[in-house]
Amino acid sequence: MNLIHQISRVQAYRILNEAAERAGIAKKIGNIGTHTLRKTFGYRLYEMDIAVDRIMAILGHSSEKDTLKYIGITADEISDAYESIAI
């Protein structure tokens, strides 16, 4: 019989930070938690050109503006992206 055991948020935090330490990146990135993974997941979707409205739905946000802010996309980055399009 397979038993699935959930881990706590604190235990997940410990595992992530121990992994960062073993990988030698802990000092560079600082502490990492499950919320960091969630934001990174959203950002990576954005980098893969997934539509913001879909990312918004996946993350359960109520507005595209909140989603962009949440994943760290600034107004300057959005403006730069539009300006980079050659017509």
PDB file of N, CA and C in Angstrom:
ATOM      1  N   MET A   1       0.839  -1.174   0.000  1.00  0.00           N
ATOM      2  CA  MET A   1       0.000   0.000   0.000  1.00  0.00           C
ATOM      3  C   MET A   1       0.889   1.244   0.000  1.00  0.00           C
ATOM      4  N   ASN A   2       0.611   2.166  -0.922  1.00  0.00           N
ATOM      5  CA  ASN A   2       1.365   3.411  -0.995  1.00  0.00           C
ATOM      6  C   ASN A   2       0.721   4.461  -0.104  1.00  0.00           C
ATOM      7  N   LEU A   3       1.500   5.027   0.750  1.00  0.00           N
ATOM      8  CA  LEU A   3       1.015   6.106   1.609  1.00  0.00           C
ATOM      9  C   LEU A   3       1.681   7.398   1.162  1.00  0.00           C
ATOM     10  N   ILE A   4       0.894   8.410   0.980  1.00  0.00           N
ATOM     11  CA  ILE A   4       1.419   9.719   0.609  1.00  0.00           C
ATOM     12  C   ILE A   4       1.372  10.595   1.852  1.00  0.00           C
ATOM     13  N   HIS A   5       2.518  11.147   2.181  1.00  0.00           N
ATOM     14  CA  HIS A   5       2.600  12.017   3.353  1.00  0.00           C
ATOM     15  C   HIS A   5       2.872  13.437   2.894  1.00  0.00           C
ATOM     16  N   GLN A   6       2.085  14.363   3.387  1.00  0.00           N
ATOM     17  CA  GLN A   6       2.312  15.759   3.086  1.00  0.00           C
ATOM     18  C   GLN A   6       3.378  16.303   4.025  1.00  0.00           C
ATOM     19  N   ILE A   7       4.114  17.285   3.518  1.00  0.00           N
ATOM     20  CA  ILE A   7       5.077  17.964   4.376  1.00  0.00           C
ATOM     21  C   ILE A   7       4.528  19.351   4.681  1.00  0.00           C
ATOM     22  N   SER A   8       4.985  19.896   5.770  1.00  0.00           N
ATOM     23  CA  SER A   8       4.523  21.236   6.148  1.00  0.00           C
ATOM     24  C   SER A   8       5.247  22.294   5.330  1.00  0.00           C
ATOM     25  N   ARG A   9       4.706  23.490   5.358  1.00  0.00           N
ATOM     26  CA  ARG A   9       5.341  24.621   4.673  1.00  0.00           C
ATOM     27  C   ARG A   9       6.730  24.872   5.250  1.00  0.00           C
ATOM     28  N   VAL A  10       6.866  24.718   6.564  1.00  0.00           N
ATOM     29  CA  VAL A  10       8.162  24.923   7.222  1.00  0.00           C
ATOM     30  C   VAL A  10       9.170  23.869   6.746  1.00  0.00           C
ATOM     31  N   GLN A  11       8.724  22.627   6.648  1.00  0.00           N
ATOM     32  CA  GLN A  11       9.620  21.573   6.184  1.00  0.00           C
ATOM     33  C   GLN A  11      10.028  21.810   4.727  1.00  0.00           C
ATOM     34  N   ALA A  12       9.088  22.245   3.894  1.00  0.00           N
ATOM     35  CA  ALA A  12       9.408  22.556   2.501  1.00  0.00           C
ATOM     36  C   ALA A  12      10.442  23.685   2.443  1.00  0.00           C
ATOM     37  N   TYR A  13      10.273  24.689   3.280  1.00  0.00           N
ATOM     38  CA  TYR A  13      11.215  25.803   3.353  1.00  0.00           C
ATOM     39  C   TYR A  13      12.620  25.286   3.698  1.00  0.00           C
ATOM     40  N   ARG A  14      12.691  24.415   4.685  1.00  0.00           N
ATOM     41  CA  ARG A  14      13.986  23.848   5.085  1.00  0.00           C
ATOM     42  C   ARG A  14      14.624  23.058   3.951  1.00  0.00           C
ATOM     43  N   ILE A  15      13.826  22.240   3.277  1.00  0.00           N
ATOM     44  CA  ILE A  15      14.346  21.430   2.175  1.00  0.00           C
ATOM     45  C   ILE A  15      14.879  22.320   1.055  1.00  0.00           C
ATOM     46  N   LEU A  16      14.111  23.351   0.686  1.00  0.00           N
ATOM     47  CA  LEU A  16      14.538  24.256  -0.381  1.00  0.00           C
ATOM     48  C   LEU A  16      15.829  24.977  -0.024  1.00  0.00           C
ATOM     49  N   ASN A  17      15.927  25.452   1.206  1.00  0.00           N
ATOM     50  CA  ASN A  17      17.125  26.183   1.602  1.00  0.00           C
ATOM     51  C   ASN A  17      18.334  25.283   1.766  1.00  0.00           C
ATOM     52  N   GLU A  18      18.133  24.061   2.218  1.00  0.00           N
ATOM     53  CA  GLU A  18      19.238  23.100   2.279  1.00  0.00           C
ATOM     54  C   GLU A  18      19.725  22.756   0.875  1.00  0.00           C
ATOM     55  N   ALA A  19      18.805  22.634  -0.079  1.00  0.00           N
ATOM     56  CA  ALA A  19      19.178  22.352  -1.467  1.00  0.00           C
ATOM     57  C   ALA A  19      19.969  23.519  -2.057  1.00  0.00           C
ATOM     58  N   ALA A  20      19.536  24.740  -1.762  1.00  0.00           N
ATOM     59  CA  ALA A  20      20.259  25.922  -2.244  1.00  0.00           C
ATOM     60  C   ALA A  20      21.663  25.969  -1.647  1.00  0.00           C
ATOM     61  N   GLU A  21      21.777  25.605  -0.384  1.00  0.00           N
ATOM     62  CA  GLU A  21      23.081  25.566   0.280  1.00  0.00           C
ATOM     63  C   GLU A  21      23.989  24.533  -0.392  1.00  0.00           C
ATOM     64  N   ARG A  22      23.454  23.332  -0.620  1.00  0.00           N
ATOM     65  CA  ARG A  22      24.244  22.267  -1.266  1.00  0.00           C
ATOM     66  C   ARG A  22      24.640  22.646  -2.687  1.00  0.00           C
ATOM     67  N   ALA A  23      23.781  23.392  -3.368  1.00  0.00           N
ATOM     68  CA  ALA A  23      24.070  23.813  -4.740  1.00  0.00           C
ATOM     69  C   ALA A  23      25.043  24.986  -4.790  1.00  0.00           C
ATOM     70  N   GLY A  24      25.342  25.560  -3.625  1.00  0.00           N
ATOM     71  CA  GLY A  24      26.286  26.670  -3.565  1.00  0.00           C
ATOM     72  C   GLY A  24      25.705  27.995  -4.015  1.00  0.00           C
ATOM     73  N   ILE A  25      24.387  28.136  -3.979  1.00  0.00           N
ATOM     74  CA  ILE A  25      23.753  29.382  -4.437  1.00  0.00           C
ATOM     75  C   ILE A  25      23.018  30.123  -3.331  1.00  0.00           C
ATOM     76  N   ALA A  26      23.074  29.594  -2.133  1.00  0.00           N
ATOM     77  CA  ALA A  26      22.317  30.178  -1.027  1.00  0.00           C
ATOM     78  C   ALA A  26      22.717  31.625  -0.752  1.00  0.00           C
ATOM     79  N   LYS A  27      23.999  31.910  -0.762  1.00  0.00           N
ATOM     80  CA  LYS A  27      24.438  33.281  -0.471  1.00  0.00           C
ATOM     81  C   LYS A  27      24.024  34.241  -1.575  1.00  0.00           C
ATOM     82  N   LYS A  28      23.988  33.749  -2.802  1.00  0.00           N
ATOM     83  CA  LYS A  28      23.629  34.603  -3.928  1.00  0.00           C
ATOM     84  C   LYS A  28      22.133  34.909  -3.959  1.00  0.00           C
ATOM     85  N   ILE A  29      21.297  33.908  -3.693  1.00  0.00           N
ATOM     86  CA  ILE A  29      19.855  34.103  -3.836  1.00  0.00           C
ATOM     87  C   ILE A  29      19.137  34.393  -2.537  1.00  0.00           C
ATOM     88  N   GLY A  30      19.782  34.145  -1.418  1.00  0.00           N
ATOM     89  CA  GLY A  30      19.125  34.361  -0.137  1.00  0.00           C
ATOM     90  C   GLY A  30      18.144  33.240   0.168  1.00  0.00           C
ATOM     91  N   ASN A  31      17.272  33.486   1.102  1.00  0.00           N
ATOM     92  CA  ASN A  31      16.296  32.460   1.492  1.00  0.00           C
ATOM     93  C   ASN A  31      15.278  32.246   0.380  1.00  0.00           C
ATOM     94  N   ILE A  32      14.856  31.020   0.252  1.00  0.00           N
ATOM     95  CA  ILE A  32      13.870  30.660  -0.759  1.00  0.00           C
ATOM     96  C   ILE A  32      12.753  29.874  -0.090  1.00  0.00           C
ATOM     97  N   GLY A  33      11.542  30.173  -0.466  1.00  0.00           N
ATOM     98  CA  GLY A  33      10.408  29.466   0.112  1.00  0.00           C
ATOM     99  C   GLY A  33       9.449  29.018  -0.968  1.00  0.00           C
ATOM    100  N   THR A  34       8.359  28.424  -0.559  1.00  0.00           N
ATOM    101  CA  THR A  34       7.383  27.939  -1.520  1.00  0.00           C
ATOM    102  C   THR A  34       6.754  29.087  -2.309  1.00  0.00           C
ATOM    103  N   HIS A  35       6.631  30.240  -1.687  1.00  0.00           N
ATOM    104  CA  HIS A  35       6.069  31.395  -2.381  1.00  0.00           C
ATOM    105  C   HIS A  35       7.011  31.856  -3.493  1.00  0.00           C
ATOM    106  N   THR A  36       8.313  31.763  -3.247  1.00  0.00           N
ATOM    107  CA  THR A  36       9.309  32.089  -4.261  1.00  0.00           C
ATOM    108  C   THR A  36       9.133  31.190  -5.474  1.00  0.00           C
ATOM    109  N   LEU A  37       8.884  29.906  -5.226  1.00  0.00           N
ATOM    110  CA  LEU A  37       8.673  28.973  -6.329  1.00  0.00           C
ATOM    111  C   LEU A  37       7.426  29.338  -7.125  1.00  0.00           C
ATOM    112  N   ARG A  38       6.385  29.742  -6.434  1.00  0.00           N
ATOM    113  CA  ARG A  38       5.131  30.128  -7.096  1.00  0.00           C
ATOM    114  C   ARG A  38       5.353  31.344  -7.998  1.00  0.00           C
ATOM    115  N   LYS A  39       6.068  32.348  -7.496  1.00  0.00           N
ATOM    116  CA  LYS A  39       6.352  33.534  -8.294  1.00  0.00           C
ATOM    117  C   LYS A  39       7.238  33.186  -9.491  1.00  0.00           C
ATOM    118  N   THR A  40       8.235  32.353  -9.255  1.00  0.00           N
ATOM    119  CA  THR A  40       9.129  31.942 -10.335  1.00  0.00           C
ATOM    120  C   THR A  40       8.370  31.173 -11.395  1.00  0.00           C
ATOM    121  N   PHE A  41       7.452  30.307 -10.981  1.00  0.00           N
ATOM    122  CA  PHE A  41       6.616  29.568 -11.918  1.00  0.00           C
ATOM    123  C   PHE A  41       5.840  30.537 -12.802  1.00  0.00           C
ATOM    124  N   GLY A  42       5.227  31.545 -12.207  1.00  0.00           N
ATOM    125  CA  GLY A  42       4.489  32.541 -12.970  1.00  0.00           C
ATOM    126  C   GLY A  42       5.388  33.304 -13.928  1.00  0.00           C
ATOM    127  N   TYR A  43       6.563  33.673 -13.464  1.00  0.00           N
ATOM    128  CA  TYR A  43       7.508  34.416 -14.305  1.00  0.00           C
ATOM    129  C   TYR A  43       7.976  33.573 -15.477  1.00  0.00           C
ATOM    130  N   ARG A  44       8.259  32.303 -15.229  1.00  0.00           N
ATOM    131  CA  ARG A  44       8.710  31.405 -16.301  1.00  0.00           C
ATOM    132  C   ARG A  44       7.609  31.216 -17.343  1.00  0.00           C
ATOM    133  N   LEU A  45       6.350  31.142 -16.905  1.00  0.00           N
ATOM    134  CA  LEU A  45       5.251  31.070 -17.861  1.00  0.00           C
ATOM    135  C   LEU A  45       5.242  32.317 -18.739  1.00  0.00           C
ATOM    136  N   TYR A  46       5.453  33.471 -18.111  1.00  0.00           N
ATOM    137  CA  TYR A  46       5.500  34.737 -18.841  1.00  0.00           C
ATOM    138  C   TYR A  46       6.638  34.725 -19.855  1.00  0.00           C
ATOM    139  N   GLU A  47       7.797  34.230 -19.450  1.00  0.00           N
ATOM    140  CA  GLU A  47       8.948  34.142 -20.359  1.00  0.00           C
ATOM    141  C   GLU A  47       8.679  33.206 -21.543  1.00  0.00           C
ATOM    142  N   MET A  48       7.813  32.235 -21.330  1.00  0.00           N
ATOM    143  CA  MET A  48       7.462  31.289 -22.385  1.00  0.00           C
ATOM    144  C   MET A  48       6.339  31.818 -23.272  1.00  0.00           C
ATOM    145  N   ASP A  49       6.025  33.097 -23.122  1.00  0.00           N
ATOM    146  CA  ASP A  49       4.981  33.779 -23.897  1.00  0.00           C
ATOM    147  C   ASP A  49       3.576  33.230 -23.665  1.00  0.00           C
ATOM    148  N   ILE A  50       3.341  32.709 -22.464  1.00  0.00           N
ATOM    149  CA  ILE A  50       1.984  32.338 -22.082  1.00  0.00           C
ATOM    150  C   ILE A  50       1.231  33.640 -21.813  1.00  0.00           C
ATOM    151  N   ALA A  51       0.037  33.744 -22.319  1.00  0.00           N
ATOM    152  CA  ALA A  51      -0.758  34.970 -22.176  1.00  0.00           C
ATOM    153  C   ALA A  51      -0.967  35.303 -20.698  1.00  0.00           C
ATOM    154  N   VAL A  52      -0.872  36.584 -20.395  1.00  0.00           N
ATOM    155  CA  VAL A  52      -0.995  37.045 -19.012  1.00  0.00           C
ATOM    156  C   VAL A  52      -2.346  36.658 -18.409  1.00  0.00           C
ATOM    157  N   ASP A  53      -3.407  36.682 -19.217  1.00  0.00           N
ATOM    158  CA  ASP A  53      -4.707  36.305 -18.667  1.00  0.00           C
ATOM    159  C   ASP A  53      -4.740  34.831 -18.248  1.00  0.00           C
ATOM    160  N   ARG A  54      -3.982  33.999 -18.933  1.00  0.00           N
ATOM    161  CA  ARG A  54      -3.904  32.580 -18.545  1.00  0.00           C
ATOM    162  C   ARG A  54      -3.083  32.422 -17.269  1.00  0.00           C
ATOM    163  N   ILE A  55      -1.969  33.157 -17.181  1.00  0.00           N
ATOM    164  CA  ILE A  55      -1.146  33.111 -15.963  1.00  0.00           C
ATOM    165  C   ILE A  55      -1.984  33.596 -14.789  1.00  0.00           C
ATOM    166  N   MET A  56      -2.744  34.660 -15.008  1.00  0.00           N
ATOM    167  CA  MET A  56      -3.625  35.212 -13.982  1.00  0.00           C
ATOM    168  C   MET A  56      -4.585  34.133 -13.477  1.00  0.00           C
ATOM    169  N   ALA A  57      -5.175  33.386 -14.394  1.00  0.00           N
ATOM    170  CA  ALA A  57      -6.114  32.323 -14.010  1.00  0.00           C
ATOM    171  C   ALA A  57      -5.403  31.201 -13.258  1.00  0.00           C
ATOM    172  N   ILE A  58      -4.225  30.827 -13.720  1.00  0.00           N
ATOM    173  CA  ILE A  58      -3.460  29.757 -13.072  1.00  0.00           C
ATOM    174  C   ILE A  58      -3.114  30.132 -11.634  1.00  0.00           C
ATOM    175  N   LEU A  59      -2.712  31.398 -11.442  1.00  0.00           N
ATOM    176  CA  LEU A  59      -2.302  31.850 -10.110  1.00  0.00           C
ATOM    177  C   LEU A  59      -3.489  32.284  -9.248  1.00  0.00           C
ATOM    178  N   GLY A  60      -4.662  32.374  -9.845  1.00  0.00           N
ATOM    179  CA  GLY A  60      -5.853  32.746  -9.084  1.00  0.00           C
ATOM    180  C   GLY A  60      -5.937  34.227  -8.762  1.00  0.00           C
ATOM    181  N   HIS A  61      -5.360  35.055  -9.627  1.00  0.00           N
ATOM    182  CA  HIS A  61      -5.407  36.502  -9.408  1.00  0.00           C
ATOM    183  C   HIS A  61      -6.663  37.092 -10.026  1.00  0.00           C
ATOM    184  N   SER A  62      -7.020  38.300  -9.580  1.00  0.00           N
ATOM    185  CA  SER A  62      -8.240  38.939 -10.074  1.00  0.00           C
ATOM    186  C   SER A  62      -7.976  39.954 -11.177  1.00  0.00           C
ATOM    187  N   SER A  63      -6.696  40.303 -11.418  1.00  0.00           N
ATOM    188  CA  SER A  63      -6.410  41.243 -12.498  1.00  0.00           C
ATOM    189  C   SER A  63      -5.039  40.953 -13.108  1.00  0.00           C
ATOM    190  N   GLU A  64      -4.919  41.303 -14.386  1.00  0.00           N
ATOM    191  CA  GLU A  64      -3.637  41.129 -15.075  1.00  0.00           C
ATOM    192  C   GLU A  64      -2.579  42.036 -14.458  1.00  0.00           C
ATOM    193  N   LYS A  65      -2.986  43.234 -14.047  1.00  0.00           N
ATOM    194  CA  LYS A  65      -2.053  44.180 -13.425  1.00  0.00           C
ATOM    195  C   LYS A  65      -1.436  43.562 -12.166  1.00  0.00           C
ATOM    196  N   ASP A  66      -2.260  42.937 -11.337  1.00  0.00           N
ATOM    197  CA  ASP A  66      -1.754  42.291 -10.126  1.00  0.00           C
ATOM    198  C   ASP A  66      -0.811  41.143 -10.464  1.00  0.00           C
ATOM    199  N   THR A  67      -1.141  40.389 -11.503  1.00  0.00           N
ATOM    200  CA  THR A  67      -0.298  39.261 -11.907  1.00  0.00           C
ATOM    201  C   THR A  67       1.063  39.753 -12.358  1.00  0.00           C
ATOM    202  N   LEU A  68       1.095  40.791 -13.191  1.00  0.00           N
ATOM    203  CA  LEU A  68       2.372  41.329 -13.662  1.00  0.00           C
ATOM    204  C   LEU A  68       3.206  41.855 -12.503  1.00  0.00           C
ATOM    205  N   LYS A  69       2.576  42.539 -11.574  1.00  0.00           N
ATOM    206  CA  LYS A  69       3.288  43.041 -10.396  1.00  0.00           C
ATOM    207  C   LYS A  69       3.809  41.873  -9.556  1.00  0.00           C
ATOM    208  N   TYR A  70       2.993  40.862  -9.387  1.00  0.00           N
ATOM    209  CA  TYR A  70       3.339  39.692  -8.579  1.00  0.00           C
ATOM    210  C   TYR A  70       4.569  38.970  -9.120  1.00  0.00           C
ATOM    211  N   ILE A  71       4.636  38.831 -10.451  1.00  0.00           N
ATOM    212  CA  ILE A  71       5.774  38.101 -11.025  1.00  0.00           C
ATOM    213  C   ILE A  71       6.960  39.014 -11.333  1.00  0.00           C
ATOM    214  N   GLY A  72       6.820  40.300 -11.007  1.00  0.00           N
ATOM    215  CA  GLY A  72       7.956  41.214 -11.101  1.00  0.00           C
ATOM    216  C   GLY A  72       8.147  41.874 -12.443  1.00  0.00           C
ATOM    217  N   ILE A  73       7.094  41.936 -13.230  1.00  0.00           N
ATOM    218  CA  ILE A  73       7.184  42.614 -14.513  1.00  0.00           C
ATOM    219  C   ILE A  73       6.780  44.072 -14.297  1.00  0.00           C
ATOM    220  N   THR A  74       7.689  44.969 -14.650  1.00  0.00           N
ATOM    221  CA  THR A  74       7.433  46.392 -14.421  1.00  0.00           C
ATOM    222  C   THR A  74       6.871  47.059 -15.673  1.00  0.00           C
ATOM    223  N   ALA A  75       6.338  48.233 -15.491  1.00  0.00           N
ATOM    224  CA  ALA A  75       5.812  49.008 -16.616  1.00  0.00           C
ATOM    225  C   ALA A  75       6.915  49.301 -17.625  1.00  0.00           C
ATOM    226  N   ASP A  76       8.139  49.552 -17.142  1.00  0.00           N
ATOM    227  CA  ASP A  76       9.267  49.811 -18.048  1.00  0.00           C
ATOM    228  C   ASP A  76       9.565  48.599 -18.919  1.00  0.00           C
ATOM    229  N   GLU A  77       9.500  47.419 -18.346  1.00  0.00           N
ATOM    230  CA  GLU A  77       9.755  46.201 -19.118  1.00  0.00           C
ATOM    231  C   GLU A  77       8.684  45.990 -20.177  1.00  0.00           C
ATOM    232  N   ILE A  78       7.462  46.278 -19.837  1.00  0.00           N
ATOM    233  CA  ILE A  78       6.364  46.149 -20.801  1.00  0.00           C
ATOM    234  C   ILE A  78       6.555  47.153 -21.923  1.00  0.00           C
ATOM    235  N   SER A  79       6.908  48.384 -21.571  1.00  0.00           N
ATOM    236  CA  SER A  79       7.141  49.427 -22.569  1.00  0.00           C
ATOM    237  C   SER A  79       8.313  49.050 -23.474  1.00  0.00           C
ATOM    238  N   ASP A  80       9.395  48.545 -22.901  1.00  0.00           N
ATOM    239  CA  ASP A  80      10.547  48.114 -23.675  1.00  0.00           C
ATOM    240  C   ASP A  80      10.180  47.003 -24.649  1.00  0.00           C
ATOM    241  N   ALA A  81       9.335  46.102 -24.220  1.00  0.00           N
ATOM    242  CA  ALA A  81       8.916  44.999 -25.091  1.00  0.00           C
ATOM    243  C   ALA A  81       8.152  45.544 -26.295  1.00  0.00           C
ATOM    244  N   TYR A  82       7.253  46.489 -26.056  1.00  0.00           N
ATOM    245  CA  TYR A  82       6.511  47.076 -27.176  1.00  0.00           C
ATOM    246  C   TYR A  82       7.436  47.836 -28.123  1.00  0.00           C
ATOM    247  N   GLU A  83       8.389  48.552 -27.541  1.00  0.00           N
ATOM    248  CA  GLU A  83       9.301  49.344 -28.368  1.00  0.00           C
ATOM    249  C   GLU A  83      10.273  48.477 -29.161  1.00  0.00           C
ATOM    250  N   SER A  84      10.496  47.251 -28.723  1.00  0.00           N
ATOM    251  CA  SER A  84      11.437  46.381 -29.415  1.00  0.00           C
ATOM    252  C   SER A  84      10.854  45.764 -30.683  1.00  0.00           C
ATOM    253  N   ILE A  85       9.564  45.907 -30.876  1.00  0.00           N
ATOM    254  CA  ILE A  85       8.915  45.354 -32.059  1.00  0.00           C
ATOM    255  C   ILE A  85       9.197  46.274 -33.252  1.00  0.00           C
ATOM    256  N   ALA A  86       9.822  45.700 -34.274  1.00  0.00           N
ATOM    257  CA  ALA A  86      10.146  46.480 -35.481  1.00  0.00           C
ATOM    258  C   ALA A  86       8.959  46.429 -36.434  1.00  0.00           C
ATOM    259  N   ILE A  87       8.560  47.599 -36.889  1.00  0.00           N
ATOM    260  CA  ILE A  87       7.434  47.676 -37.835  1.00  0.00           C
ATOM    261  C   ILE A  87       7.957  48.096 -39.180  1.00  0.00           C
TER     262      ILE A  87
END
